[in-house]
Amino acid sequence: MNQREFIRSLLDWIENNLGHDLHLDEVARRSGYSRWHLQRLFRQHTGFSLAEYIRQRRLTESALLEQEEP
């Protein structure tokens, strides 16, 4: 699996687990990379740090849910 595919699969995993506690150490452990290396790869491919991405996705999901409520 190349880096682009790896990041895509990691993004999919994050999306499927946004409702759970996602600690950076756990995400790094699941990825098989060190936390430092994972952060570099993630920023290189997405432009965001891993924590920024997770935070923004959670805020977006929360805002969307609020819009759906009457």
Protein backbone atom coordinates (compact mmCIF):
# COMPACT_ATOMS: atom_id res chain seq x y z
CA MET A 1 0.00 0.00 0.00
CA ASN A 2 1.45 3.37 -0.95
CA GLN A 3 1.29 6.45 1.28
CA ARG A 4 -1.72 7.96 -0.49
CA GLU A 5 -3.71 4.72 -0.06
CA PHE A 6 -2.58 4.48 3.55
CA ILE A 7 -3.78 8.02 4.30
CA ARG A 8 -7.09 7.33 2.52
CA SER A 9 -7.64 4.19 4.62
CA LEU A 10 -6.70 6.11 7.78
CA LEU A 11 -9.19 8.86 6.89
CA ASP A 12 -11.88 6.23 6.38
CA TRP A 13 -11.06 4.69 9.76
CA ILE A 14 -11.17 8.10 11.45
CA GLU A 15 -14.55 8.88 9.84
CA ASN A 16 -15.95 5.57 11.08
CA ASN A 17 -14.68 6.24 14.60
CA LEU A 18 -15.39 9.96 15.14
CA GLY A 19 -17.83 9.08 17.91
CA HIS A 20 -15.12 7.33 19.92
CA ASP A 21 -12.16 8.70 21.84
CA LEU A 22 -9.40 9.01 19.26
CA HIS A 23 -6.10 9.57 21.01
CA LEU A 24 -3.14 10.25 18.77
CA ASP A 25 -1.11 7.49 20.40
CA GLU A 26 -3.87 4.97 19.66
CA VAL A 27 -4.19 6.12 16.04
CA ALA A 28 -0.41 5.88 15.62
CA ARG A 29 -0.33 2.41 17.19
CA ARG A 30 -3.09 1.21 14.86
CA SER A 31 -1.26 2.68 11.87
CA GLY A 32 2.01 0.93 12.65
CA TYR A 33 3.93 4.20 12.44
CA SER A 34 5.45 6.26 15.21
CA ARG A 35 3.34 9.20 16.30
CA TRP A 36 5.94 11.59 14.88
CA HIS A 37 6.13 9.91 11.47
CA LEU A 38 2.35 9.56 11.22
CA GLN A 39 1.91 13.27 11.95
CA ARG A 40 4.38 14.17 9.19
CA LEU A 41 2.74 11.88 6.64
CA PHE A 42 -0.75 13.06 7.55
CA ARG A 43 0.14 16.77 7.29
CA GLN A 44 2.00 16.17 4.03
CA HIS A 45 -1.07 14.57 2.42
CA THR A 46 -3.90 16.57 4.02
CA GLY A 47 -2.42 19.90 5.09
CA PHE A 48 -3.72 19.33 8.64
CA SER A 49 -2.25 17.84 11.75
CA LEU A 50 -4.03 14.69 12.82
CA ALA A 51 -5.54 16.41 15.88
CA GLU A 52 -6.71 19.40 13.80
CA TYR A 53 -8.39 17.11 11.30
CA ILE A 54 -10.21 15.10 13.97
CA ARG A 55 -11.31 18.27 15.77
CA GLN A 56 -12.58 19.90 12.57
CA ARG A 57 -14.47 16.78 11.49
CA ARG A 58 -16.14 16.51 14.90
CA LEU A 59 -17.13 20.19 14.79
CA THR A 60 -18.50 19.80 11.27
CA GLU A 61 -20.51 16.71 12.22
CA SER A 62 -21.87 18.50 15.30
CA ALA A 63 -22.91 21.53 13.25
CA LEU A 64 -24.63 19.31 10.68
CA LEU A 65 -26.54 17.47 13.41
CA GLU A 66 -27.68 20.78 14.91
CA GLN A 67 -29.00 21.89 11.51
CA GLU A 68 -31.06 18.72 11.21
CA GLU A 69 -32.81 19.23 14.55
CA PRO A 70 -36.09 21.21 14.37
